Amino acid sequence: MGLFDYVKDIGKKLFNREEEAADQIKKHIEKDNPGVTDLKVSFTKGVVSLAGKASSAAAMEKAVLMAGNVQGVTNVNADVLEAPPSQEKVDYYEIKKGDTLSAIAKQFYGKASDYPRIFEANREVIKDPNLIYPGQKIRIPLE
């Protein structure tokens, strides 16, 4: 997983000054620890770089999404975030205006009632299944 693009002006507001961004993003990721140890975060001009060791590919993906869905972040680079190869097939989706997790589940799985599957795969990024916003990026497990 390399560099991911995000929308700078959306997401959770964690910092006011660029000098505090790396520390705040690191705390944000560690608070809901998606399975990343020895986490190191740097932030320069909207780009977050993550380093450390992830317990799984899903943990790495969640850390990238957690960092990227922060206001002020335009890109996430995880080239030096180590993780074992992924054992599951995953797609990524950017929330659009008017989307609901049910509509996204219907699109990917054929059944709106499968929305909890998407919610569970994104608990670190989505705190309430009714509160998603345009531009937010999430992971969609396909298996």
N, C-alpha and C. Protein backbone atom coordinates (compact mmCIF):
# COMPACT_ATOMS: atom_id res chain seq x y z
N MET A 1 0.86 -1.16 0.00
CA MET A 1 0.00 0.00 0.00
C MET A 1 0.90 1.22 0.00
N GLY A 2 0.75 2.06 -0.97
CA GLY A 2 1.61 3.23 -1.08
C GLY A 2 0.90 4.50 -0.71
N LEU A 3 0.94 5.43 -1.61
CA LEU A 3 0.39 6.75 -1.37
C LEU A 3 -1.09 6.77 -1.72
N PHE A 4 -1.93 7.26 -0.79
CA PHE A 4 -3.36 7.36 -1.02
C PHE A 4 -3.78 8.81 -0.96
N ASP A 5 -4.65 9.22 -1.87
CA ASP A 5 -5.12 10.59 -1.92
C ASP A 5 -6.39 10.75 -1.09
N TYR A 6 -6.50 11.89 -0.43
CA TYR A 6 -7.66 12.21 0.39
C TYR A 6 -8.07 13.65 0.12
N VAL A 7 -9.27 14.00 0.57
CA VAL A 7 -9.77 15.36 0.43
C VAL A 7 -9.36 16.14 1.67
N LYS A 8 -8.60 17.19 1.48
CA LYS A 8 -7.98 17.93 2.58
C LYS A 8 -8.98 18.55 3.56
N ASP A 9 -10.10 19.02 3.06
CA ASP A 9 -11.01 19.81 3.89
C ASP A 9 -12.11 19.02 4.57
N ILE A 10 -12.06 17.70 4.52
CA ILE A 10 -13.08 16.91 5.20
C ILE A 10 -12.42 16.00 6.22
N GLY A 11 -13.21 15.39 7.05
CA GLY A 11 -12.70 14.44 8.02
C GLY A 11 -12.69 15.00 9.42
N LYS A 12 -12.19 14.20 10.32
CA LYS A 12 -12.12 14.56 11.73
C LYS A 12 -11.05 15.61 11.93
N LYS A 13 -11.39 16.69 12.62
CA LYS A 13 -10.42 17.75 12.90
C LYS A 13 -9.62 17.36 14.15
N LEU A 14 -8.33 17.13 13.97
CA LEU A 14 -7.47 16.71 15.09
C LEU A 14 -6.43 17.75 15.47
N PHE A 15 -6.11 18.64 14.56
CA PHE A 15 -5.03 19.59 14.85
C PHE A 15 -5.33 20.95 14.24
N ASN A 16 -4.73 21.99 14.84
CA ASN A 16 -4.87 23.35 14.34
C ASN A 16 -3.60 23.83 13.64
N ARG A 17 -2.46 23.30 14.07
CA ARG A 17 -1.18 23.71 13.50
C ARG A 17 -0.45 22.48 12.96
N GLU A 18 0.25 22.67 11.86
CA GLU A 18 0.99 21.56 11.24
C GLU A 18 1.99 20.94 12.21
N GLU A 19 2.53 21.74 13.13
CA GLU A 19 3.53 21.24 14.08
C GLU A 19 2.97 20.15 15.00
N GLU A 20 1.68 20.18 15.25
CA GLU A 20 1.08 19.19 16.16
C GLU A 20 0.40 18.03 15.42
N ALA A 21 0.37 18.09 14.09
CA ALA A 21 -0.36 17.11 13.29
C ALA A 21 0.12 15.68 13.52
N ALA A 22 1.43 15.43 13.42
CA ALA A 22 1.95 14.07 13.53
C ALA A 22 1.59 13.45 14.88
N ASP A 23 1.76 14.20 15.96
CA ASP A 23 1.44 13.67 17.29
C ASP A 23 -0.04 13.37 17.43
N GLN A 24 -0.89 14.26 16.92
CA GLN A 24 -2.33 14.07 17.05
C GLN A 24 -2.81 12.88 16.20
N ILE A 25 -2.27 12.74 15.02
CA ILE A 25 -2.65 11.61 14.16
C ILE A 25 -2.18 10.29 14.78
N LYS A 26 -0.98 10.29 15.34
CA LYS A 26 -0.47 9.08 16.00
C LYS A 26 -1.37 8.70 17.17
N LYS A 27 -1.74 9.67 18.00
CA LYS A 27 -2.64 9.39 19.14
C LYS A 27 -3.99 8.86 18.65
N HIS A 28 -4.48 9.44 17.57
CA HIS A 28 -5.77 9.02 16.99
C HIS A 28 -5.70 7.55 16.56
N ILE A 29 -4.63 7.16 15.91
CA ILE A 29 -4.49 5.77 15.45
C ILE A 29 -4.30 4.84 16.64
N GLU A 30 -3.44 5.23 17.58
CA GLU A 30 -3.17 4.36 18.74
C GLU A 30 -4.37 4.20 19.65
N LYS A 31 -5.23 5.23 19.72
CA LYS A 31 -6.42 5.17 20.58
C LYS A 31 -7.33 4.00 20.20
N ASP A 32 -7.53 3.81 18.93
CA ASP A 32 -8.38 2.71 18.45
C ASP A 32 -7.51 1.63 17.82
N ASN A 33 -6.34 1.44 18.37
CA ASN A 33 -5.28 0.58 17.87
C ASN A 33 -5.75 -0.51 16.89
N PRO A 34 -5.49 -0.29 15.62
CA PRO A 34 -5.88 -1.31 14.64
C PRO A 34 -4.85 -2.43 14.52
N GLY A 35 -3.92 -2.54 15.46
CA GLY A 35 -2.94 -3.61 15.41
C GLY A 35 -1.60 -3.19 14.86
N VAL A 36 -1.23 -1.93 15.07
CA VAL A 36 0.07 -1.43 14.60
C VAL A 36 0.96 -1.15 15.81
N THR A 37 2.16 -1.73 15.81
CA THR A 37 3.12 -1.49 16.89
C THR A 37 4.28 -0.65 16.36
N ASP A 38 5.00 -0.04 17.28
CA ASP A 38 6.14 0.83 16.93
C ASP A 38 5.74 1.88 15.89
N LEU A 39 4.54 2.41 16.04
CA LEU A 39 4.02 3.38 15.07
C LEU A 39 4.82 4.68 15.11
N LYS A 40 5.21 5.11 13.93
CA LYS A 40 5.86 6.40 13.75
C LYS A 40 5.07 7.16 12.69
N VAL A 41 4.80 8.43 12.98
CA VAL A 41 4.00 9.25 12.07
C VAL A 41 4.75 10.55 11.81
N SER A 42 4.83 10.92 10.56
CA SER A 42 5.35 12.25 10.21
C SER A 42 4.32 12.94 9.33
N PHE A 43 4.35 14.27 9.34
CA PHE A 43 3.38 15.07 8.59
C PHE A 43 4.08 16.27 8.01
N THR A 44 4.00 16.41 6.69
CA THR A 44 4.58 17.56 6.01
C THR A 44 3.67 17.99 4.87
N LYS A 45 3.18 19.22 4.96
CA LYS A 45 2.36 19.82 3.89
C LYS A 45 1.22 18.91 3.43
N GLY A 46 0.49 18.34 4.39
CA GLY A 46 -0.66 17.53 4.07
C GLY A 46 -0.39 16.05 3.86
N VAL A 47 0.88 15.66 3.80
CA VAL A 47 1.23 14.26 3.56
C VAL A 47 1.62 13.59 4.87
N VAL A 48 0.92 12.50 5.19
CA VAL A 48 1.23 11.69 6.37
C VAL A 48 2.05 10.50 5.91
N SER A 49 3.14 10.23 6.62
CA SER A 49 3.93 9.02 6.37
C SER A 49 3.84 8.16 7.62
N LEU A 50 3.50 6.88 7.42
CA LEU A 50 3.37 5.94 8.52
C LEU A 50 4.48 4.90 8.45
N ALA A 51 5.03 4.57 9.60
CA ALA A 51 6.02 3.51 9.71
C ALA A 51 5.68 2.69 10.94
N GLY A 52 6.12 1.46 10.96
CA GLY A 52 5.86 0.57 12.08
C GLY A 52 5.60 -0.83 11.58
N LYS A 53 4.96 -1.63 12.43
CA LYS A 53 4.68 -3.01 12.07
C LYS A 53 3.21 -3.30 12.35
N ALA A 54 2.50 -3.71 11.33
CA ALA A 54 1.08 -4.05 11.46
C ALA A 54 0.93 -5.55 11.65
N SER A 55 0.00 -5.94 12.49
CA SER A 55 -0.23 -7.37 12.77
C SER A 55 -0.91 -8.07 11.60
N SER A 56 -1.56 -7.30 10.73
CA SER A 56 -2.25 -7.87 9.57
C SER A 56 -2.37 -6.80 8.50
N ALA A 57 -2.71 -7.24 7.29
CA ALA A 57 -2.95 -6.29 6.21
C ALA A 57 -4.14 -5.40 6.55
N ALA A 58 -5.15 -5.96 7.19
CA ALA A 58 -6.33 -5.17 7.58
C ALA A 58 -5.94 -4.08 8.58
N ALA A 59 -5.05 -4.39 9.52
CA ALA A 59 -4.60 -3.39 10.49
C ALA A 59 -3.87 -2.25 9.78
N MET A 60 -3.06 -2.58 8.78
CA MET A 60 -2.36 -1.56 8.03
C MET A 60 -3.36 -0.69 7.25
N GLU A 61 -4.32 -1.33 6.59
CA GLU A 61 -5.32 -0.60 5.82
C GLU A 61 -6.11 0.35 6.72
N LYS A 62 -6.48 -0.13 7.91
CA LYS A 62 -7.24 0.70 8.84
C LYS A 62 -6.42 1.88 9.33
N ALA A 63 -5.13 1.68 9.59
CA ALA A 63 -4.26 2.78 10.02
C ALA A 63 -4.18 3.84 8.91
N VAL A 64 -4.04 3.39 7.67
CA VAL A 64 -3.98 4.33 6.53
C VAL A 64 -5.29 5.11 6.44
N LEU A 65 -6.42 4.44 6.55
CA LEU A 65 -7.71 5.11 6.47
C LEU A 65 -7.92 6.06 7.64
N MET A 66 -7.49 5.66 8.83
CA MET A 66 -7.63 6.53 9.99
C MET A 66 -6.82 7.81 9.80
N ALA A 67 -5.62 7.68 9.28
CA ALA A 67 -4.78 8.86 9.04
C ALA A 67 -5.35 9.71 7.91
N GLY A 68 -5.82 9.09 6.86
CA GLY A 68 -6.30 9.82 5.70
C GLY A 68 -7.61 10.53 5.89
N ASN A 69 -8.46 9.99 6.75
CA ASN A 69 -9.77 10.60 6.99
C ASN A 69 -9.68 11.64 8.10
N VAL A 70 -8.59 12.39 8.11
CA VAL A 70 -8.38 13.48 9.06
C VAL A 70 -8.31 14.78 8.26
N GLN A 71 -8.98 15.79 8.76
CA GLN A 71 -8.97 17.09 8.10
C GLN A 71 -7.54 17.63 8.01
N GLY A 72 -7.15 18.09 6.83
CA GLY A 72 -5.81 18.62 6.62
C GLY A 72 -4.87 17.64 5.94
N VAL A 73 -5.30 16.38 5.81
CA VAL A 73 -4.48 15.35 5.18
C VAL A 73 -4.89 15.21 3.72
N THR A 74 -3.89 15.25 2.83
CA THR A 74 -4.16 15.09 1.40
C THR A 74 -3.67 13.74 0.88
N ASN A 75 -2.64 13.17 1.53
CA ASN A 75 -2.07 11.89 1.09
C ASN A 75 -1.55 11.12 2.30
N VAL A 76 -1.54 9.80 2.17
CA VAL A 76 -0.93 8.94 3.18
C VAL A 76 0.04 8.01 2.47
N ASN A 77 1.25 7.97 2.98
CA ASN A 77 2.28 7.08 2.45
C ASN A 77 2.57 6.03 3.51
N ALA A 78 2.37 4.78 3.15
CA ALA A 78 2.59 3.69 4.10
C ALA A 78 3.62 2.69 3.56
N ASP A 79 4.52 3.17 2.72
CA ASP A 79 5.52 2.27 2.12
C ASP A 79 6.42 1.58 3.14
N VAL A 80 6.64 2.22 4.30
CA VAL A 80 7.51 1.60 5.31
C VAL A 80 6.72 1.07 6.50
N LEU A 81 5.42 0.91 6.33
CA LEU A 81 4.58 0.27 7.34
C LEU A 81 4.50 -1.21 6.96
N GLU A 82 5.18 -2.04 7.74
CA GLU A 82 5.27 -3.47 7.43
C GLU A 82 3.98 -4.19 7.80
N ALA A 83 3.59 -5.13 6.94
CA ALA A 83 2.40 -5.94 7.21
C ALA A 83 2.50 -7.25 6.44
N PRO A 84 1.94 -8.33 6.99
CA PRO A 84 1.90 -9.58 6.23
C PRO A 84 1.00 -9.42 5.01
N PRO A 85 1.17 -10.27 4.02
CA PRO A 85 0.32 -10.19 2.83
C PRO A 85 -1.16 -10.36 3.20
N SER A 86 -2.01 -9.71 2.46
CA SER A 86 -3.44 -9.77 2.72
C SER A 86 -3.99 -11.15 2.38
N GLN A 87 -4.83 -11.66 3.24
CA GLN A 87 -5.50 -12.94 3.00
C GLN A 87 -6.93 -12.73 2.53
N GLU A 88 -7.40 -11.47 2.57
CA GLU A 88 -8.77 -11.21 2.13
C GLU A 88 -8.76 -10.23 0.97
N LYS A 89 -9.81 -10.33 0.17
CA LYS A 89 -9.96 -9.38 -0.93
C LYS A 89 -10.72 -8.17 -0.41
N VAL A 90 -10.17 -6.99 -0.69
CA VAL A 90 -10.74 -5.75 -0.20
C VAL A 90 -10.79 -4.74 -1.33
N ASP A 91 -11.87 -3.98 -1.35
CA ASP A 91 -11.97 -2.85 -2.27
C ASP A 91 -12.07 -1.60 -1.40
N TYR A 92 -11.83 -0.45 -1.98
CA TYR A 92 -11.94 0.81 -1.26
C TYR A 92 -13.01 1.64 -1.92
N TYR A 93 -13.71 2.41 -1.12
CA TYR A 93 -14.83 3.18 -1.63
C TYR A 93 -14.80 4.57 -1.02
N GLU A 94 -15.05 5.58 -1.83
CA GLU A 94 -15.15 6.95 -1.34
C GLU A 94 -16.63 7.31 -1.25
N ILE A 95 -17.06 7.68 -0.06
CA ILE A 95 -18.46 8.03 0.19
C ILE A 95 -18.84 9.23 -0.69
N LYS A 96 -20.02 9.12 -1.29
CA LYS A 96 -20.56 10.20 -2.11
C LYS A 96 -21.77 10.81 -1.41
N LYS A 97 -22.12 12.02 -1.78
CA LYS A 97 -23.28 12.69 -1.21
C LYS A 97 -24.52 11.81 -1.41
N GLY A 98 -25.27 11.61 -0.34
CA GLY A 98 -26.49 10.80 -0.40
C GLY A 98 -26.27 9.33 -0.10
N ASP A 99 -25.01 8.88 -0.01
CA ASP A 99 -24.73 7.47 0.30
C ASP A 99 -25.17 7.11 1.71
N THR A 100 -25.52 5.86 1.87
CA THR A 100 -25.73 5.24 3.19
C THR A 100 -24.97 3.93 3.15
N LEU A 101 -24.66 3.40 4.32
CA LEU A 101 -23.98 2.10 4.34
C LEU A 101 -24.87 1.02 3.73
N SER A 102 -26.18 1.14 3.89
CA SER A 102 -27.11 0.18 3.28
C SER A 102 -27.02 0.22 1.75
N ALA A 103 -26.97 1.42 1.19
CA ALA A 103 -26.88 1.55 -0.27
C ALA A 103 -25.54 1.01 -0.78
N ILE A 104 -24.49 1.25 -0.02
CA ILE A 104 -23.17 0.74 -0.42
C ILE A 104 -23.15 -0.78 -0.34
N ALA A 105 -23.77 -1.33 0.72
CA ALA A 105 -23.85 -2.79 0.86
C ALA A 105 -24.64 -3.40 -0.30
N LYS A 106 -25.72 -2.75 -0.69
CA LYS A 106 -26.51 -3.25 -1.82
C LYS A 106 -25.67 -3.25 -3.09
N GLN A 107 -24.89 -2.19 -3.29
CA GLN A 107 -24.04 -2.08 -4.47
C GLN A 107 -22.98 -3.18 -4.51
N PHE A 108 -22.33 -3.45 -3.38
CA PHE A 108 -21.23 -4.42 -3.36
C PHE A 108 -21.67 -5.86 -3.11
N TYR A 109 -22.72 -6.04 -2.28
CA TYR A 109 -23.11 -7.39 -1.87
C TYR A 109 -24.47 -7.82 -2.40
N GLY A 110 -25.24 -6.88 -2.96
CA GLY A 110 -26.56 -7.22 -3.48
C GLY A 110 -27.67 -7.15 -2.45
N LYS A 111 -27.30 -6.91 -1.17
CA LYS A 111 -28.30 -6.84 -0.10
C LYS A 111 -27.99 -5.66 0.81
N ALA A 112 -28.95 -4.75 0.95
CA ALA A 112 -28.77 -3.59 1.83
C ALA A 112 -28.58 -4.01 3.27
N SER A 113 -29.18 -5.13 3.64
CA SER A 113 -29.11 -5.60 5.03
C SER A 113 -27.70 -6.07 5.43
N ASP A 114 -26.79 -6.13 4.48
CA ASP A 114 -25.40 -6.52 4.78
C ASP A 114 -24.54 -5.33 5.21
N TYR A 115 -25.17 -4.17 5.46
CA TYR A 115 -24.39 -2.99 5.85
C TYR A 115 -23.54 -3.20 7.12
N PRO A 116 -23.97 -4.05 8.11
CA PRO A 116 -23.11 -4.23 9.28
C PRO A 116 -21.73 -4.79 8.93
N ARG A 117 -21.65 -5.54 7.85
CA ARG A 117 -20.36 -6.08 7.40
C ARG A 117 -19.39 -4.94 7.06
N ILE A 118 -19.89 -3.91 6.40
CA ILE A 118 -19.06 -2.75 6.07
C ILE A 118 -18.73 -1.97 7.33
N PHE A 119 -19.72 -1.79 8.19
CA PHE A 119 -19.50 -1.06 9.44
C PHE A 119 -18.43 -1.74 10.29
N GLU A 120 -18.52 -3.04 10.45
CA GLU A 120 -17.54 -3.79 11.26
C GLU A 120 -16.14 -3.68 10.67
N ALA A 121 -16.03 -3.67 9.36
CA ALA A 121 -14.72 -3.59 8.70
C ALA A 121 -14.10 -2.20 8.82
N ASN A 122 -14.90 -1.23 9.28
CA ASN A 122 -14.44 0.16 9.35
C ASN A 122 -14.69 0.81 10.71
N ARG A 123 -14.82 0.01 11.75
CA ARG A 123 -15.13 0.55 13.09
C ARG A 123 -14.16 1.64 13.54
N GLU A 124 -12.92 1.54 13.12
CA GLU A 124 -11.94 2.54 13.53
C GLU A 124 -12.16 3.87 12.79
N VAL A 125 -12.80 3.81 11.65
CA VAL A 125 -13.02 5.00 10.82
C VAL A 125 -14.45 5.52 10.97
N ILE A 126 -15.41 4.63 11.09
CA ILE A 126 -16.83 5.00 11.22
C ILE A 126 -17.28 4.64 12.64
N LYS A 127 -17.60 5.66 13.42
CA LYS A 127 -18.03 5.42 14.81
C LYS A 127 -19.53 5.14 14.91
N ASP A 128 -20.31 5.64 13.95
CA ASP A 128 -21.76 5.47 13.95
C ASP A 128 -22.16 5.19 12.50
N PRO A 129 -22.84 4.08 12.22
CA PRO A 129 -23.19 3.75 10.83
C PRO A 129 -24.10 4.79 10.16
N ASN A 130 -24.71 5.65 10.95
CA ASN A 130 -25.57 6.69 10.39
C ASN A 130 -24.82 8.00 10.14
N LEU A 131 -23.54 8.04 10.52
CA LEU A 131 -22.76 9.27 10.37
C LEU A 131 -21.55 9.04 9.47
N ILE A 132 -21.80 9.06 8.18
CA ILE A 132 -20.73 8.99 7.20
C ILE A 132 -20.80 10.29 6.40
N TYR A 133 -19.72 10.65 5.74
CA TYR A 133 -19.72 11.94 5.04
C TYR A 133 -19.04 11.81 3.68
N PRO A 134 -19.47 12.64 2.73
CA PRO A 134 -18.87 12.61 1.39
C PRO A 134 -17.36 12.85 1.45
N GLY A 135 -16.64 12.06 0.69
CA GLY A 135 -15.18 12.15 0.66
C GLY A 135 -14.49 11.18 1.59
N GLN A 136 -15.20 10.66 2.56
CA GLN A 136 -14.62 9.69 3.50
C GLN A 136 -14.32 8.41 2.73
N LYS A 137 -13.16 7.83 3.02
CA LYS A 137 -12.79 6.58 2.35
C LYS A 137 -12.91 5.43 3.34
N ILE A 138 -13.45 4.32 2.84
CA ILE A 138 -13.65 3.13 3.66
C ILE A 138 -13.19 1.90 2.90
N ARG A 139 -13.03 0.81 3.65
CA ARG A 139 -12.66 -0.46 3.02
C ARG A 139 -13.89 -1.35 2.92
N ILE A 140 -13.98 -2.10 1.85
CA ILE A 140 -15.11 -3.00 1.59
C ILE A 140 -14.56 -4.41 1.47
N PRO A 141 -14.78 -5.26 2.49
CA PRO A 141 -14.34 -6.65 2.37
C PRO A 141 -15.18 -7.36 1.30
N LEU A 142 -14.51 -8.09 0.42
CA LEU A 142 -15.23 -8.72 -0.69
C LEU A 142 -15.41 -10.23 -0.51
N GLU A 143 -14.88 -10.78 0.52
CA GLU A 143 -15.03 -12.24 0.72
C GLU A 143 -15.97 -12.50 1.86
